[in-house]
Amino acid sequence: MTESALDQLGTAKIQHVHAQQVRAALAADGATIASYAKDNGTDMTRLGRILRGDVIMRIEDMVNAERNLKLRERRAVAGEAPSQR
């Protein structure tokens, strides 16, 4: 496997883990993708595509979710080490 392919695989894994965390946070809050998108000024169609892995998540998408869903705090409560993101 080429280095480029390994990089693509690694970024896909990071996006997958982040999408799982977003979905878990939404479920814990009793929120939907639509309500989260509306509350945060995010395009619902694009957000759905990101969470399905159909489009690439941008860094600002990750930061937005970290801030608005308090993902860091949730990981701390769950006892996850920062490297397990």
Protein backbone atom coordinates (compact mmCIF):
# COMPACT_ATOMS: atom_id res chain seq x y z
CA MET A 1 0.00 0.00 0.00
CA THR A 2 1.35 3.44 -0.90
CA GLU A 3 1.95 6.15 1.66
CA SER A 4 -0.84 8.18 0.07
CA ALA A 5 -3.26 5.28 0.41
CA LEU A 6 -2.22 4.81 4.04
CA ASP A 7 -2.84 8.51 4.66
CA GLN A 8 -6.30 8.27 3.11
CA LEU A 9 -7.11 5.22 5.21
CA GLY A 10 -5.90 6.94 8.36
CA THR A 11 -7.98 10.05 7.72
CA ALA A 12 -11.04 7.91 6.95
CA LYS A 13 -10.61 6.17 10.31
CA ILE A 14 -10.35 9.51 12.12
CA GLN A 15 -13.50 10.77 10.40
CA HIS A 16 -15.33 7.55 11.27
CA VAL A 17 -14.43 7.79 14.96
CA HIS A 18 -15.41 11.46 15.06
CA ALA A 19 -18.73 10.72 13.32
CA GLN A 20 -19.46 7.99 15.89
CA GLN A 21 -18.78 10.47 18.70
CA VAL A 22 -21.09 13.04 17.13
CA ARG A 23 -23.87 10.48 16.69
CA ALA A 24 -23.43 9.26 20.28
CA ALA A 25 -23.55 12.83 21.63
CA LEU A 26 -26.68 13.59 19.62
CA ALA A 27 -28.34 10.41 20.88
CA ALA A 28 -27.37 11.19 24.48
CA ASP A 29 -28.85 14.67 24.11
CA GLY A 30 -32.01 13.37 22.44
CA ALA A 31 -31.15 15.48 19.40
CA THR A 32 -31.38 14.73 15.70
CA ILE A 33 -29.00 15.59 12.90
CA ALA A 34 -31.60 18.07 11.66
CA SER A 35 -32.01 19.81 15.02
CA TYR A 36 -28.24 19.97 15.59
CA ALA A 37 -27.66 21.39 12.11
CA LYS A 38 -30.38 24.01 12.57
CA ASP A 39 -29.15 25.05 16.02
CA ASN A 40 -25.58 25.44 14.78
CA GLY A 41 -26.15 26.95 11.35
CA THR A 42 -24.83 23.88 9.59
CA ASP A 43 -26.23 22.52 6.33
CA MET A 44 -28.17 19.38 7.28
CA THR A 45 -27.57 17.65 3.95
CA ARG A 46 -23.83 18.17 4.17
CA LEU A 47 -23.75 17.10 7.82
CA GLY A 48 -25.58 13.88 6.97
CA ARG A 49 -23.11 13.19 4.18
CA ILE A 50 -20.19 13.81 6.52
CA LEU A 51 -21.58 11.45 9.16
CA ARG A 52 -22.12 8.75 6.51
CA GLY A 53 -18.62 9.25 5.16
CA ASP A 54 -19.86 10.38 1.75
CA VAL A 55 -17.88 13.64 1.91
CA ILE A 56 -14.65 14.55 3.66
CA MET A 57 -14.96 16.24 7.04
CA ARG A 58 -13.10 19.53 7.26
CA ILE A 59 -11.13 20.49 10.33
CA GLU A 60 -13.63 23.27 11.05
CA ASP A 61 -16.41 20.64 11.06
CA MET A 62 -14.52 18.75 13.75
CA VAL A 63 -13.87 21.89 15.79
CA ASN A 64 -17.53 22.92 15.50
CA ALA A 65 -18.68 19.56 16.87
CA GLU A 66 -16.01 19.59 19.59
CA ARG A 67 -17.27 22.99 20.77
CA ASN A 68 -21.03 22.63 20.30
CA LEU A 69 -21.39 19.05 21.51
CA LYS A 70 -18.64 19.39 24.14
CA LEU A 71 -16.99 16.22 22.86
CA ARG A 72 -13.79 16.76 24.85
CA GLU A 73 -15.72 17.00 28.08
CA ARG A 74 -17.71 13.88 27.20
CA ARG A 75 -14.49 11.94 26.52
CA ALA A 76 -13.04 13.13 29.84
CA VAL A 77 -16.13 11.95 31.71
CA ALA A 78 -15.92 8.63 29.89
CA GLY A 79 -12.29 8.33 31.01
CA GLU A 80 -10.84 8.23 27.50
CA ALA A 81 -7.28 9.34 26.99
CA PRO A 82 -6.82 12.18 24.47
CA SER A 83 -5.10 9.76 22.09
CA GLN A 84 -8.30 7.69 21.83
CA ARG A 85 -10.17 10.36 19.87
